[in-house]
Amino acid sequence: MESEVKKEKFNWFTMFWEGFISMSKLGRTLWIIVIVKLIIMFAILKPIFFPDFLKAQVSDESEKAGYVREQMIERSSFDSEE
């Protein structure tokens, strides 16, 4: 006899949403501030302050690997001379 127990899929979004809704007003406000700051840091500031440097130097993936290898060897030999 097999019991037909339907396993319900766990919904992560519902868990977090219910926790967010049941928070105090101060807690919700602080979490909204944190989320807005993260969006600003990653969506706006990252492309401005951290451009894709390798894209400007080389075009192919193998050339990128070669460029990084050369730079690492060059910099490590420079550090060992001091």
PDB file of N, CA and C in Angstrom:
ATOM      1  N   MET A   1       0.819  -1.182   0.000  1.00  0.00           N
ATOM      2  CA  MET A   1       0.000   0.000   0.000  1.00  0.00           C
ATOM      3  C   MET A   1       0.868   1.253   0.000  1.00  0.00           C
ATOM      4  N   GLU A   2       0.810   1.939  -1.057  1.00  0.00           N
ATOM      5  CA  GLU A   2       1.549   3.191  -1.142  1.00  0.00           C
ATOM      6  C   GLU A   2       0.607   4.342  -0.850  1.00  0.00           C
ATOM      7  N   SER A   3       1.018   5.164   0.081  1.00  0.00           N
ATOM      8  CA  SER A   3       0.184   6.331   0.358  1.00  0.00           C
ATOM      9  C   SER A   3       0.519   7.417  -0.650  1.00  0.00           C
ATOM     10  N   GLU A   4      -0.507   8.026  -1.097  1.00  0.00           N
ATOM     11  CA  GLU A   4      -0.315   9.067  -2.107  1.00  0.00           C
ATOM     12  C   GLU A   4      -0.218  10.422  -1.420  1.00  0.00           C
ATOM     13  N   VAL A   5       0.965  10.699  -0.917  1.00  0.00           N
ATOM     14  CA  VAL A   5       1.219  11.979  -0.277  1.00  0.00           C
ATOM     15  C   VAL A   5       1.886  12.866  -1.308  1.00  0.00           C
ATOM     16  N   LYS A   6       1.231  13.946  -1.598  1.00  0.00           N
ATOM     17  CA  LYS A   6       1.774  14.869  -2.587  1.00  0.00           C
ATOM     18  C   LYS A   6       2.759  15.804  -1.887  1.00  0.00           C
ATOM     19  N   LYS A   7       4.000  15.763  -2.330  1.00  0.00           N
ATOM     20  CA  LYS A   7       5.027  16.611  -1.732  1.00  0.00           C
ATOM     21  C   LYS A   7       4.910  18.006  -2.339  1.00  0.00           C
ATOM     22  N   GLU A   8       4.663  18.965  -1.473  1.00  0.00           N
ATOM     23  CA  GLU A   8       4.510  20.330  -1.940  1.00  0.00           C
ATOM     24  C   GLU A   8       5.883  20.961  -2.136  1.00  0.00           C
ATOM     25  N   LYS A   9       6.038  21.669  -3.236  1.00  0.00           N
ATOM     26  CA  LYS A   9       7.302  22.334  -3.539  1.00  0.00           C
ATOM     27  C   LYS A   9       7.476  23.532  -2.599  1.00  0.00           C
ATOM     28  N   PHE A  10       8.668  23.657  -2.036  1.00  0.00           N
ATOM     29  CA  PHE A  10       8.954  24.743  -1.100  1.00  0.00           C
ATOM     30  C   PHE A  10       9.142  26.034  -1.882  1.00  0.00           C
ATOM     31  N   ASN A  11       8.447  27.058  -1.478  1.00  0.00           N
ATOM     32  CA  ASN A  11       8.504  28.334  -2.179  1.00  0.00           C
ATOM     33  C   ASN A  11       9.316  29.331  -1.345  1.00  0.00           C
ATOM     34  N   TRP A  12      10.533  29.595  -1.781  1.00  0.00           N
ATOM     35  CA  TRP A  12      11.426  30.503  -1.061  1.00  0.00           C
ATOM     36  C   TRP A  12      10.894  31.930  -1.058  1.00  0.00           C
ATOM     37  N   PHE A  13      10.355  32.355  -2.190  1.00  0.00           N
ATOM     38  CA  PHE A  13       9.861  33.728  -2.288  1.00  0.00           C
ATOM     39  C   PHE A  13       8.754  33.976  -1.268  1.00  0.00           C
ATOM     40  N   THR A  14       7.827  33.033  -1.148  1.00  0.00           N
ATOM     41  CA  THR A  14       6.726  33.194  -0.197  1.00  0.00           C
ATOM     42  C   THR A  14       7.252  33.283   1.231  1.00  0.00           C
ATOM     43  N   MET A  15       8.244  32.476   1.548  1.00  0.00           N
ATOM     44  CA  MET A  15       8.810  32.498   2.892  1.00  0.00           C
ATOM     45  C   MET A  15       9.395  33.882   3.209  1.00  0.00           C
ATOM     46  N   PHE A  16      10.202  34.421   2.284  1.00  0.00           N
ATOM     47  CA  PHE A  16      10.818  35.722   2.531  1.00  0.00           C
ATOM     48  C   PHE A  16       9.784  36.840   2.510  1.00  0.00           C
ATOM     49  N   TRP A  17       8.801  36.742   1.621  1.00  0.00           N
ATOM     50  CA  TRP A  17       7.778  37.784   1.521  1.00  0.00           C
ATOM     51  C   TRP A  17       6.953  37.845   2.807  1.00  0.00           C
ATOM     52  N   GLU A  18       6.558  36.689   3.328  1.00  0.00           N
ATOM     53  CA  GLU A  18       5.784  36.664   4.576  1.00  0.00           C
ATOM     54  C   GLU A  18       6.613  37.209   5.740  1.00  0.00           C
ATOM     55  N   GLY A  19       7.899  36.895   5.765  1.00  0.00           N
ATOM     56  CA  GLY A  19       8.768  37.441   6.800  1.00  0.00           C
ATOM     57  C   GLY A  19       8.916  38.942   6.679  1.00  0.00           C
ATOM     58  N   PHE A  20       9.005  39.427   5.448  1.00  0.00           N
ATOM     59  CA  PHE A  20       9.135  40.865   5.219  1.00  0.00           C
ATOM     60  C   PHE A  20       7.862  41.594   5.630  1.00  0.00           C
ATOM     61  N   ILE A  21       6.713  41.027   5.295  1.00  0.00           N
ATOM     62  CA  ILE A  21       5.438  41.658   5.618  1.00  0.00           C
ATOM     63  C   ILE A  21       5.195  41.672   7.130  1.00  0.00           C
ATOM     64  N   SER A  22       5.640  40.636   7.821  1.00  0.00           N
ATOM     65  CA  SER A  22       5.382  40.566   9.263  1.00  0.00           C
ATOM     66  C   SER A  22       6.390  41.366  10.090  1.00  0.00           C
ATOM     67  N   MET A  23       7.355  42.014   9.448  1.00  0.00           N
ATOM     68  CA  MET A  23       8.342  42.824  10.170  1.00  0.00           C
ATOM     69  C   MET A  23       7.721  44.114  10.678  1.00  0.00           C
ATOM     70  N   SER A  24       8.438  44.735  11.591  1.00  0.00           N
ATOM     71  CA  SER A  24       8.008  46.050  12.055  1.00  0.00           C
ATOM     72  C   SER A  24       8.298  47.077  10.965  1.00  0.00           C
ATOM     73  N   LYS A  25       7.728  48.244  11.103  1.00  0.00           N
ATOM     74  CA  LYS A  25       7.914  49.296  10.104  1.00  0.00           C
ATOM     75  C   LYS A  25       9.387  49.700  10.006  1.00  0.00           C
ATOM     76  N   LEU A  26      10.078  49.752  11.129  1.00  0.00           N
ATOM     77  CA  LEU A  26      11.498  50.100  11.128  1.00  0.00           C
ATOM     78  C   LEU A  26      12.313  49.045  10.391  1.00  0.00           C
ATOM     79  N   GLY A  27      12.038  47.774  10.643  1.00  0.00           N
ATOM     80  CA  GLY A  27      12.760  46.696   9.964  1.00  0.00           C
ATOM     81  C   GLY A  27      12.562  46.735   8.462  1.00  0.00           C
ATOM     82  N   ARG A  28      11.317  46.950   8.022  1.00  0.00           N
ATOM     83  CA  ARG A  28      11.052  47.038   6.579  1.00  0.00           C
ATOM     84  C   ARG A  28      11.782  48.219   5.958  1.00  0.00           C
ATOM     85  N   THR A  29      11.768  49.348   6.655  1.00  0.00           N
ATOM     86  CA  THR A  29      12.449  50.537   6.137  1.00  0.00           C
ATOM     87  C   THR A  29      13.947  50.289   6.002  1.00  0.00           C
ATOM     88  N   LEU A  30      14.544  49.663   6.992  1.00  0.00           N
ATOM     89  CA  LEU A  30      15.982  49.389   6.933  1.00  0.00           C
ATOM     90  C   LEU A  30      16.318  48.415   5.808  1.00  0.00           C
ATOM     91  N   TRP A  31      15.500  47.367   5.613  1.00  0.00           N
ATOM     92  CA  TRP A  31      15.747  46.424   4.520  1.00  0.00           C
ATOM     93  C   TRP A  31      15.585  47.092   3.161  1.00  0.00           C
ATOM     94  N   ILE A  32      14.625  47.989   3.034  1.00  0.00           N
ATOM     95  CA  ILE A  32      14.455  48.708   1.764  1.00  0.00           C
ATOM     96  C   ILE A  32      15.677  49.571   1.490  1.00  0.00           C
ATOM     97  N   ILE A  33      16.212  50.216   2.522  1.00  0.00           N
ATOM     98  CA  ILE A  33      17.427  51.024   2.354  1.00  0.00           C
ATOM     99  C   ILE A  33      18.593  50.144   1.917  1.00  0.00           C
ATOM    100  N   VAL A  34      18.754  48.983   2.530  1.00  0.00           N
ATOM    101  CA  VAL A  34      19.843  48.068   2.164  1.00  0.00           C
ATOM    102  C   VAL A  34      19.703  47.624   0.712  1.00  0.00           C
ATOM    103  N   ILE A  35      18.505  47.260   0.294  1.00  0.00           N
ATOM    104  CA  ILE A  35      18.284  46.797  -1.079  1.00  0.00           C
ATOM    105  C   ILE A  35      18.544  47.910  -2.081  1.00  0.00           C
ATOM    106  N   VAL A  36      18.091  49.120  -1.779  1.00  0.00           N
ATOM    107  CA  VAL A  36      18.338  50.255  -2.680  1.00  0.00           C
ATOM    108  C   VAL A  36      19.834  50.535  -2.785  1.00  0.00           C
ATOM    109  N   LYS A  37      20.560  50.480  -1.673  1.00  0.00           N
ATOM    110  CA  LYS A  37      22.008  50.708  -1.710  1.00  0.00           C
ATOM    111  C   LYS A  37      22.719  49.648  -2.547  1.00  0.00           C
ATOM    112  N   LEU A  38      22.306  48.384  -2.423  1.00  0.00           N
ATOM    113  CA  LEU A  38      22.919  47.322  -3.225  1.00  0.00           C
ATOM    114  C   LEU A  38      22.652  47.522  -4.708  1.00  0.00           C
ATOM    115  N   ILE A  39      21.441  47.917  -5.046  1.00  0.00           N
ATOM    116  CA  ILE A  39      21.118  48.177  -6.456  1.00  0.00           C
ATOM    117  C   ILE A  39      21.973  49.314  -6.986  1.00  0.00           C
ATOM    118  N   ILE A  40      22.124  50.367  -6.204  1.00  0.00           N
ATOM    119  CA  ILE A  40      22.960  51.496  -6.640  1.00  0.00           C
ATOM    120  C   ILE A  40      24.405  51.051  -6.810  1.00  0.00           C
ATOM    121  N   MET A  41      24.940  50.278  -5.869  1.00  0.00           N
ATOM    122  CA  MET A  41      26.344  49.860  -5.948  1.00  0.00           C
ATOM    123  C   MET A  41      26.604  48.972  -7.154  1.00  0.00           C
ATOM    124  N   PHE A  42      25.758  47.973  -7.381  1.00  0.00           N
ATOM    125  CA  PHE A  42      26.047  47.002  -8.426  1.00  0.00           C
ATOM    126  C   PHE A  42      25.543  47.420  -9.797  1.00  0.00           C
ATOM    127  N   ALA A  43      24.431  48.114  -9.880  1.00  0.00           N
ATOM    128  CA  ALA A  43      23.875  48.459 -11.186  1.00  0.00           C
ATOM    129  C   ALA A  43      24.417  49.774 -11.727  1.00  0.00           C
ATOM    130  N   ILE A  44      24.791  50.687 -10.853  1.00  0.00           N
ATOM    131  CA  ILE A  44      25.209  52.011 -11.323  1.00  0.00           C
ATOM    132  C   ILE A  44      26.708  52.232 -11.151  1.00  0.00           C
ATOM    133  N   LEU A  45      27.237  52.002  -9.964  1.00  0.00           N
ATOM    134  CA  LEU A  45      28.636  52.330  -9.696  1.00  0.00           C
ATOM    135  C   LEU A  45      29.625  51.327 -10.281  1.00  0.00           C
ATOM    136  N   LYS A  46      29.265  50.055 -10.325  1.00  0.00           N
ATOM    137  CA  LYS A  46      30.201  49.041 -10.827  1.00  0.00           C
ATOM    138  C   LYS A  46      30.610  49.297 -12.275  1.00  0.00           C
ATOM    139  N   PRO A  47      29.692  49.538 -13.207  1.00  0.00           N
ATOM    140  CA  PRO A  47      30.137  49.799 -14.586  1.00  0.00           C
ATOM    141  C   PRO A  47      30.955  51.085 -14.727  1.00  0.00           C
ATOM    142  N   ILE A  48      30.713  52.060 -13.859  1.00  0.00           N
ATOM    143  CA  ILE A  48      31.440  53.329 -13.962  1.00  0.00           C
ATOM    144  C   ILE A  48      32.870  53.187 -13.447  1.00  0.00           C
ATOM    145  N   PHE A  49      33.040  52.603 -12.267  1.00  0.00           N
ATOM    146  CA  PHE A  49      34.355  52.542 -11.643  1.00  0.00           C
ATOM    147  C   PHE A  49      35.157  51.299 -11.983  1.00  0.00           C
ATOM    148  N   PHE A  50      34.518  50.259 -12.494  1.00  0.00           N
ATOM    149  CA  PHE A  50      35.213  49.024 -12.835  1.00  0.00           C
ATOM    150  C   PHE A  50      34.881  48.603 -14.261  1.00  0.00           C
ATOM    151  N   PRO A  51      35.375  49.332 -15.252  1.00  0.00           N
ATOM    152  CA  PRO A  51      35.100  48.946 -16.640  1.00  0.00           C
ATOM    153  C   PRO A  51      35.830  47.651 -16.992  1.00  0.00           C
ATOM    154  N   ASP A  52      35.406  47.023 -18.071  1.00  0.00           N
ATOM    155  CA  ASP A  52      36.027  45.772 -18.506  1.00  0.00           C
ATOM    156  C   ASP A  52      37.360  46.108 -19.178  1.00  0.00           C
ATOM    157  N   PHE A  53      38.432  46.042 -18.390  1.00  0.00           N
ATOM    158  CA  PHE A  53      39.755  46.430 -18.873  1.00  0.00           C
ATOM    159  C   PHE A  53      40.271  45.473 -19.933  1.00  0.00           C
ATOM    160  N   LEU A  54      40.033  44.180 -19.751  1.00  0.00           N
ATOM    161  CA  LEU A  54      40.538  43.191 -20.708  1.00  0.00           C
ATOM    162  C   LEU A  54      39.876  43.329 -22.072  1.00  0.00           C
ATOM    163  N   LYS A  55      38.634  43.751 -22.096  1.00  0.00           N
ATOM    164  CA  LYS A  55      37.929  43.913 -23.368  1.00  0.00           C
ATOM    165  C   LYS A  55      38.618  44.974 -24.232  1.00  0.00           C
ATOM    166  N   ALA A  56      39.171  45.993 -23.589  1.00  0.00           N
ATOM    167  CA  ALA A  56      39.870  47.042 -24.322  1.00  0.00           C
ATOM    168  C   ALA A  56      41.242  46.576 -24.802  1.00  0.00           C
ATOM    169  N   GLN A  57      41.851  45.618 -24.102  1.00  0.00           N
ATOM    170  CA  GLN A  57      43.197  45.171 -24.450  1.00  0.00           C
ATOM    171  C   GLN A  57      43.208  44.109 -25.541  1.00  0.00           C
ATOM    172  N   VAL A  58      42.339  43.108 -25.418  1.00  0.00           N
ATOM    173  CA  VAL A  58      42.326  41.977 -26.353  1.00  0.00           C
ATOM    174  C   VAL A  58      40.885  41.631 -26.704  1.00  0.00           C
ATOM    175  N   SER A  59      40.734  40.810 -27.760  1.00  0.00           N
ATOM    176  CA  SER A  59      39.381  40.483 -28.201  1.00  0.00           C
ATOM    177  C   SER A  59      39.002  39.021 -27.996  1.00  0.00           C
ATOM    178  N   ASP A  60      39.961  38.113 -28.065  1.00  0.00           N
ATOM    179  CA  ASP A  60      39.682  36.680 -28.009  1.00  0.00           C
ATOM    180  C   ASP A  60      39.947  36.134 -26.604  1.00  0.00           C
ATOM    181  N   GLU A  61      39.264  35.047 -26.248  1.00  0.00           N
ATOM    182  CA  GLU A  61      39.451  34.440 -24.922  1.00  0.00           C
ATOM    183  C   GLU A  61      40.881  33.939 -24.718  1.00  0.00           C
ATOM    184  N   SER A  62      41.472  33.337 -25.736  1.00  0.00           N
ATOM    185  CA  SER A  62      42.845  32.838 -25.583  1.00  0.00           C
ATOM    186  C   SER A  62      43.831  33.999 -25.451  1.00  0.00           C
ATOM    187  N   GLU A  63      43.553  35.093 -26.147  1.00  0.00           N
ATOM    188  CA  GLU A  63      44.407  36.275 -26.011  1.00  0.00           C
ATOM    189  C   GLU A  63      44.287  36.868 -24.601  1.00  0.00           C
ATOM    190  N   LYS A  64      43.073  36.810 -24.031  1.00  0.00           N
ATOM    191  CA  LYS A  64      42.887  37.298 -22.664  1.00  0.00           C
ATOM    192  C   LYS A  64      43.731  36.490 -21.692  1.00  0.00           C
ATOM    193  N   ALA A  65      43.707  35.170 -21.859  1.00  0.00           N
ATOM    194  CA  ALA A  65      44.493  34.306 -20.975  1.00  0.00           C
ATOM    195  C   ALA A  65      45.980  34.606 -21.119  1.00  0.00           C
ATOM    196  N   GLY A  66      46.439  34.792 -22.346  1.00  0.00           N
ATOM    197  CA  GLY A  66      47.845  35.112 -22.576  1.00  0.00           C
ATOM    198  C   GLY A  66      48.229  36.453 -21.977  1.00  0.00           C
ATOM    199  N   TYR A  67      47.360  37.445 -22.128  1.00  0.00           N
ATOM    200  CA  TYR A  67      47.633  38.772 -21.581  1.00  0.00           C
ATOM    201  C   TYR A  67      47.728  38.722 -20.055  1.00  0.00           C
ATOM    202  N   VAL A  68      46.790  38.023 -19.429  1.00  0.00           N
ATOM    203  CA  VAL A  68      46.807  37.915 -17.966  1.00  0.00           C
ATOM    204  C   VAL A  68      48.056  37.174 -17.505  1.00  0.00           C
ATOM    205  N   ARG A  69      48.416  36.109 -18.201  1.00  0.00           N
ATOM    206  CA  ARG A  69      49.611  35.333 -17.851  1.00  0.00           C
ATOM    207  C   ARG A  69      50.853  36.218 -17.937  1.00  0.00           C
ATOM    208  N   GLU A  70      50.983  36.971 -19.030  1.00  0.00           N
ATOM    209  CA  GLU A  70      52.145  37.852 -19.197  1.00  0.00           C
ATOM    210  C   GLU A  70      52.217  38.890 -18.084  1.00  0.00           C
ATOM    211  N   GLN A  71      51.082  39.486 -17.754  1.00  0.00           N
ATOM    212  CA  GLN A  71      51.066  40.513 -16.718  1.00  0.00           C
ATOM    213  C   GLN A  71      51.428  39.938 -15.348  1.00  0.00           C
ATOM    214  N   MET A  72      50.936  38.743 -15.068  1.00  0.00           N
ATOM    215  CA  MET A  72      51.257  38.122 -13.776  1.00  0.00           C
ATOM    216  C   MET A  72      52.738  37.788 -13.676  1.00  0.00           C
ATOM    217  N   ILE A  73      53.312  37.259 -14.745  1.00  0.00           N
ATOM    218  CA  ILE A  73      54.739  36.929 -14.743  1.00  0.00           C
ATOM    219  C   ILE A  73      55.568  38.199 -14.630  1.00  0.00           C
ATOM    220  N   GLU A  74      55.174  39.212 -15.385  1.00  0.00           N
ATOM    221  CA  GLU A  74      55.899  40.480 -15.373  1.00  0.00           C
ATOM    222  C   GLU A  74      55.869  41.111 -13.979  1.00  0.00           C
ATOM    223  N   ARG A  75      54.715  41.118 -13.357  1.00  0.00           N
ATOM    224  CA  ARG A  75      54.589  41.740 -12.038  1.00  0.00           C
ATOM    225  C   ARG A  75      55.256  40.911 -10.947  1.00  0.00           C
ATOM    226  N   SER A  76      55.232  39.593 -11.072  1.00  0.00           N
ATOM    227  CA  SER A  76      55.881  38.771 -10.047  1.00  0.00           C
ATOM    228  C   SER A  76      57.398  38.898 -10.135  1.00  0.00           C
ATOM    229  N   SER A  77      57.942  39.021 -11.329  1.00  0.00           N
ATOM    230  CA  SER A  77      59.388  39.198 -11.455  1.00  0.00           C
ATOM    231  C   SER A  77      59.795  40.586 -10.970  1.00  0.00           C
ATOM    232  N   PHE A  78      58.919  41.575 -11.144  1.00  0.00           N
ATOM    233  CA  PHE A  78      59.191  42.921 -10.654  1.00  0.00           C
ATOM    234  C   PHE A  78      59.205  42.933  -9.128  1.00  0.00           C
ATOM    235  N   ASP A  79      58.289  42.202  -8.501  1.00  0.00           N
ATOM    236  CA  ASP A  79      58.229  42.147  -7.041  1.00  0.00           C
ATOM    237  C   ASP A  79      59.431  41.424  -6.451  1.00  0.00           C
ATOM    238  N   SER A  80      59.941  40.407  -7.136  1.00  0.00           N
ATOM    239  CA  SER A  80      61.053  39.635  -6.585  1.00  0.00           C
ATOM    240  C   SER A  80      62.381  40.384  -6.685  1.00  0.00           C
ATOM    241  N   GLU A  81      62.477  41.377  -7.562  1.00  0.00           N
ATOM    242  CA  GLU A  81      63.716  42.148  -7.715  1.00  0.00           C
ATOM    243  C   GLU A  81      63.921  43.123  -6.567  1.00  0.00           C
ATOM    244  N   GLU A  82      62.858  43.500  -5.892  1.00  0.00           N
ATOM    245  CA  GLU A  82      62.979  44.508  -4.829  1.00  0.00           C
ATOM    246  C   GLU A  82      63.556  43.971  -3.578  1.00  0.00           C
TER     247      GLU A  82
END
